Amino acid sequence: MATFSRPFFLVSLAAVLALSLGACASSQDDTAPSAPPTSATEATPATPPGDAAAQCNAGAAQSFVGQEATGATVAEAQTAAGATGAVRVIKPGQAVTMDFRGDRLNVEVDERNAIVRITCG
């Protein structure tokens, strides 16, 4: 029976662990479907980043911060910002995608559904 020295065994074990972790990291399927849209407006196709007509201006909607995020208020904020794409109302702790869409309005609310932040992207 062959005997292995302790350093050889530790190096071999480290190599096996590194290869195993590398295999796990590379086995993710990049073609997996993303999460379904949260609303009908979220399903709007992305606008090319250079399309200036589709960009929004969050600064123009800052007067809505502090108000309750009702459907009417959010629609008014969208109009004020000139956002032609989707509108996301983001609740505390809610996961959202990190993709940038210049035509999308993000309306962040607190636990009481009061608007705390309005951004584009």
C-alpha atoms as a PDB file:
ATOM      1  CA  MET A   1       0.000   0.000   0.000  1.00  0.00           C
ATOM      2  CA  ALA A   2       1.345   3.432  -0.941  1.00  0.00           C
ATOM      3  CA  THR A   3       1.863   6.014   1.736  1.00  0.00           C
ATOM      4  CA  PHE A   4       1.503   9.728   1.088  1.00  0.00           C
ATOM      5  CA  SER A   5       3.259  12.463   2.914  1.00  0.00           C
ATOM      6  CA  ARG A   6       1.113  14.996   4.733  1.00  0.00           C
ATOM      7  CA  PRO A   7       2.082  17.982   2.515  1.00  0.00           C
ATOM      8  CA  PHE A   8       1.258  15.997  -0.632  1.00  0.00           C
ATOM      9  CA  PHE A   9      -2.128  15.035   0.803  1.00  0.00           C
ATOM     10  CA  LEU A  10      -2.970  18.649   1.759  1.00  0.00           C
ATOM     11  CA  VAL A  11      -1.965  19.985  -1.654  1.00  0.00           C
ATOM     12  CA  SER A  12      -4.023  17.286  -3.363  1.00  0.00           C
ATOM     13  CA  LEU A  13      -7.030  18.022  -1.160  1.00  0.00           C
ATOM     14  CA  ALA A  14      -6.746  21.758  -1.873  1.00  0.00           C
ATOM     15  CA  ALA A  15      -6.572  21.087  -5.633  1.00  0.00           C
ATOM     16  CA  VAL A  16      -9.672  18.865  -5.533  1.00  0.00           C
ATOM     17  CA  LEU A  17     -11.606  21.489  -3.562  1.00  0.00           C
ATOM     18  CA  ALA A  18     -10.556  24.273  -5.932  1.00  0.00           C
ATOM     19  CA  LEU A  19     -11.610  22.250  -8.969  1.00  0.00           C
ATOM     20  CA  SER A  20     -14.920  21.358  -7.346  1.00  0.00           C
ATOM     21  CA  LEU A  21     -15.710  24.984  -6.543  1.00  0.00           C
ATOM     22  CA  GLY A  22     -14.700  26.057 -10.025  1.00  0.00           C
ATOM     23  CA  ALA A  23     -17.024  23.486 -11.560  1.00  0.00           C
ATOM     24  CA  CYS A  24     -19.923  24.771  -9.463  1.00  0.00           C
ATOM     25  CA  ALA A  25     -19.294  28.368 -10.476  1.00  0.00           C
ATOM     26  CA  SER A  26     -19.091  27.597 -14.187  1.00  0.00           C
ATOM     27  CA  SER A  27     -22.117  25.301 -14.305  1.00  0.00           C
ATOM     28  CA  GLN A  28     -24.624  28.155 -14.157  1.00  0.00           C
ATOM     29  CA  ASP A  29     -26.812  28.403 -17.238  1.00  0.00           C
ATOM     30  CA  ASP A  30     -26.626  31.910 -18.670  1.00  0.00           C
ATOM     31  CA  THR A  31     -29.631  31.169 -20.846  1.00  0.00           C
ATOM     32  CA  ALA A  32     -31.936  30.550 -17.874  1.00  0.00           C
ATOM     33  CA  PRO A  33     -35.072  32.694 -18.036  1.00  0.00           C
ATOM     34  CA  SER A  34     -35.190  35.734 -15.793  1.00  0.00           C
ATOM     35  CA  ALA A  35     -37.895  36.344 -13.223  1.00  0.00           C
ATOM     36  CA  PRO A  36     -41.285  37.111 -14.762  1.00  0.00           C
ATOM     37  CA  PRO A  37     -42.341  40.765 -14.965  1.00  0.00           C
ATOM     38  CA  THR A  38     -44.121  42.117 -11.892  1.00  0.00           C
ATOM     39  CA  SER A  39     -46.673  44.063 -13.913  1.00  0.00           C
ATOM     40  CA  ALA A  40     -47.886  44.540 -17.441  1.00  0.00           C
ATOM     41  CA  THR A  41     -45.788  47.675 -17.850  1.00  0.00           C
ATOM     42  CA  GLU A  42     -42.657  45.821 -16.694  1.00  0.00           C
ATOM     43  CA  ALA A  43     -42.971  43.615 -19.797  1.00  0.00           C
ATOM     44  CA  THR A  44     -42.280  46.598 -22.071  1.00  0.00           C
ATOM     45  CA  PRO A  45     -39.226  45.856 -24.231  1.00  0.00           C
ATOM     46  CA  ALA A  46     -36.009  47.644 -23.354  1.00  0.00           C
ATOM     47  CA  THR A  47     -35.225  50.871 -25.165  1.00  0.00           C
ATOM     48  CA  PRO A  48     -31.758  51.294 -26.643  1.00  0.00           C
ATOM     49  CA  PRO A  49     -29.557  53.329 -24.254  1.00  0.00           C
ATOM     50  CA  GLY A  50     -28.915  56.064 -26.821  1.00  0.00           C
ATOM     51  CA  ASP A  51     -32.591  56.860 -27.441  1.00  0.00           C
ATOM     52  CA  ALA A  52     -32.839  60.301 -25.791  1.00  0.00           C
ATOM     53  CA  ALA A  53     -36.577  60.581 -26.457  1.00  0.00           C
ATOM     54  CA  ALA A  54     -37.217  57.609 -24.202  1.00  0.00           C
ATOM     55  CA  GLN A  55     -35.092  58.792 -21.258  1.00  0.00           C
ATOM     56  CA  CYS A  56     -36.786  59.932 -18.066  1.00  0.00           C
ATOM     57  CA  ASN A  57     -36.034  62.840 -15.724  1.00  0.00           C
ATOM     58  CA  ALA A  58     -36.425  61.783 -12.070  1.00  0.00           C
ATOM     59  CA  GLY A  59     -35.768  65.334 -10.907  1.00  0.00           C
ATOM     60  CA  ALA A  60     -39.065  66.457 -12.407  1.00  0.00           C
ATOM     61  CA  ALA A  61     -40.953  63.935 -10.232  1.00  0.00           C
ATOM     62  CA  GLN A  62     -39.326  64.709  -6.855  1.00  0.00           C
ATOM     63  CA  SER A  63     -42.427  66.598  -5.681  1.00  0.00           C
ATOM     64  CA  PHE A  64     -44.120  63.206  -5.243  1.00  0.00           C
ATOM     65  CA  VAL A  65     -41.664  62.092  -2.522  1.00  0.00           C
ATOM     66  CA  GLY A  66     -43.586  61.797   0.740  1.00  0.00           C
ATOM     67  CA  GLN A  67     -46.924  61.091  -0.913  1.00  0.00           C
ATOM     68  CA  GLU A  68     -48.737  57.749  -0.796  1.00  0.00           C
ATOM     69  CA  ALA A  69     -47.859  55.548  -3.782  1.00  0.00           C
ATOM     70  CA  THR A  70     -51.357  55.041  -5.165  1.00  0.00           C
ATOM     71  CA  GLY A  71     -51.849  54.071  -8.783  1.00  0.00           C
ATOM     72  CA  ALA A  72     -52.823  57.631  -9.652  1.00  0.00           C
ATOM     73  CA  THR A  73     -49.836  59.170  -7.845  1.00  0.00           C
ATOM     74  CA  VAL A  74     -47.376  56.798  -9.499  1.00  0.00           C
ATOM     75  CA  ALA A  75     -48.917  57.504 -12.924  1.00  0.00           C
ATOM     76  CA  GLU A  76     -48.609  61.253 -12.315  1.00  0.00           C
ATOM     77  CA  ALA A  77     -44.963  60.813 -11.283  1.00  0.00           C
ATOM     78  CA  GLN A  78     -44.337  58.829 -14.462  1.00  0.00           C
ATOM     79  CA  THR A  79     -45.871  61.588 -16.567  1.00  0.00           C
ATOM     80  CA  ALA A  80     -43.937  64.302 -14.734  1.00  0.00           C
ATOM     81  CA  ALA A  81     -40.665  62.414 -15.260  1.00  0.00           C
ATOM     82  CA  GLY A  82     -41.433  61.752 -18.905  1.00  0.00           C
ATOM     83  CA  ALA A  83     -40.750  58.045 -18.379  1.00  0.00           C
ATOM     84  CA  THR A  84     -42.116  56.152 -21.360  1.00  0.00           C
ATOM     85  CA  GLY A  85     -41.110  52.677 -20.194  1.00  0.00           C
ATOM     86  CA  ALA A  86     -41.994  50.549 -17.220  1.00  0.00           C
ATOM     87  CA  VAL A  87     -42.626  51.841 -13.711  1.00  0.00           C
ATOM     88  CA  ARG A  88     -41.412  49.836 -10.727  1.00  0.00           C
ATOM     89  CA  VAL A  89     -42.828  50.426  -7.273  1.00  0.00           C
ATOM     90  CA  ILE A  90     -40.130  48.966  -5.034  1.00  0.00           C
ATOM     91  CA  LYS A  91     -41.125  47.896  -1.538  1.00  0.00           C
ATOM     92  CA  PRO A  92     -38.666  47.593   1.386  1.00  0.00           C
ATOM     93  CA  GLY A  93     -36.499  44.483   1.010  1.00  0.00           C
ATOM     94  CA  GLN A  94     -37.863  43.667  -2.443  1.00  0.00           C
ATOM     95  CA  ALA A  95     -35.358  42.191  -4.879  1.00  0.00           C
ATOM     96  CA  VAL A  96     -35.055  44.032  -8.188  1.00  0.00           C
ATOM     97  CA  THR A  97     -32.984  43.522 -11.297  1.00  0.00           C
ATOM     98  CA  MET A  98     -29.898  45.669 -11.714  1.00  0.00           C
ATOM     99  CA  ASP A  99     -30.287  46.243 -15.455  1.00  0.00           C
ATOM    100  CA  PHE A 100     -30.370  49.889 -16.508  1.00  0.00           C
ATOM    101  CA  ARG A 101     -33.260  51.171 -18.606  1.00  0.00           C
ATOM    102  CA  GLY A 102     -33.227  54.894 -19.199  1.00  0.00           C
ATOM    103  CA  ASP A 103     -36.960  54.966 -19.864  1.00  0.00           C
ATOM    104  CA  ARG A 104     -37.948  53.220 -16.594  1.00  0.00           C
ATOM    105  CA  LEU A 105     -39.098  55.029 -13.447  1.00  0.00           C
ATOM    106  CA  ASN A 106     -38.298  53.474 -10.062  1.00  0.00           C
ATOM    107  CA  VAL A 107     -40.537  54.528  -7.177  1.00  0.00           C
ATOM    108  CA  GLU A 108     -39.236  53.318  -3.815  1.00  0.00           C
ATOM    109  CA  VAL A 109     -41.710  53.196  -0.930  1.00  0.00           C
ATOM    110  CA  ASP A 110     -41.484  52.589   2.815  1.00  0.00           C
ATOM    111  CA  GLU A 111     -43.526  50.214   4.988  1.00  0.00           C
ATOM    112  CA  ARG A 112     -46.491  52.644   4.940  1.00  0.00           C
ATOM    113  CA  ASN A 113     -46.424  52.851   1.110  1.00  0.00           C
ATOM    114  CA  ALA A 114     -45.110  56.420   1.204  1.00  0.00           C
ATOM    115  CA  ILE A 115     -42.744  57.351  -1.634  1.00  0.00           C
ATOM    116  CA  VAL A 116     -39.209  57.796  -0.262  1.00  0.00           C
ATOM    117  CA  ARG A 117     -37.170  57.947  -3.479  1.00  0.00           C
ATOM    118  CA  ILE A 118     -37.739  58.354  -7.218  1.00  0.00           C
ATOM    119  CA  THR A 119     -35.047  57.422  -9.728  1.00  0.00           C
ATOM    120  CA  CYS A 120     -34.730  56.463 -13.355  1.00  0.00           C
ATOM    121  CA  GLY A 121     -33.031  53.366 -14.667  1.00  0.00           C
END
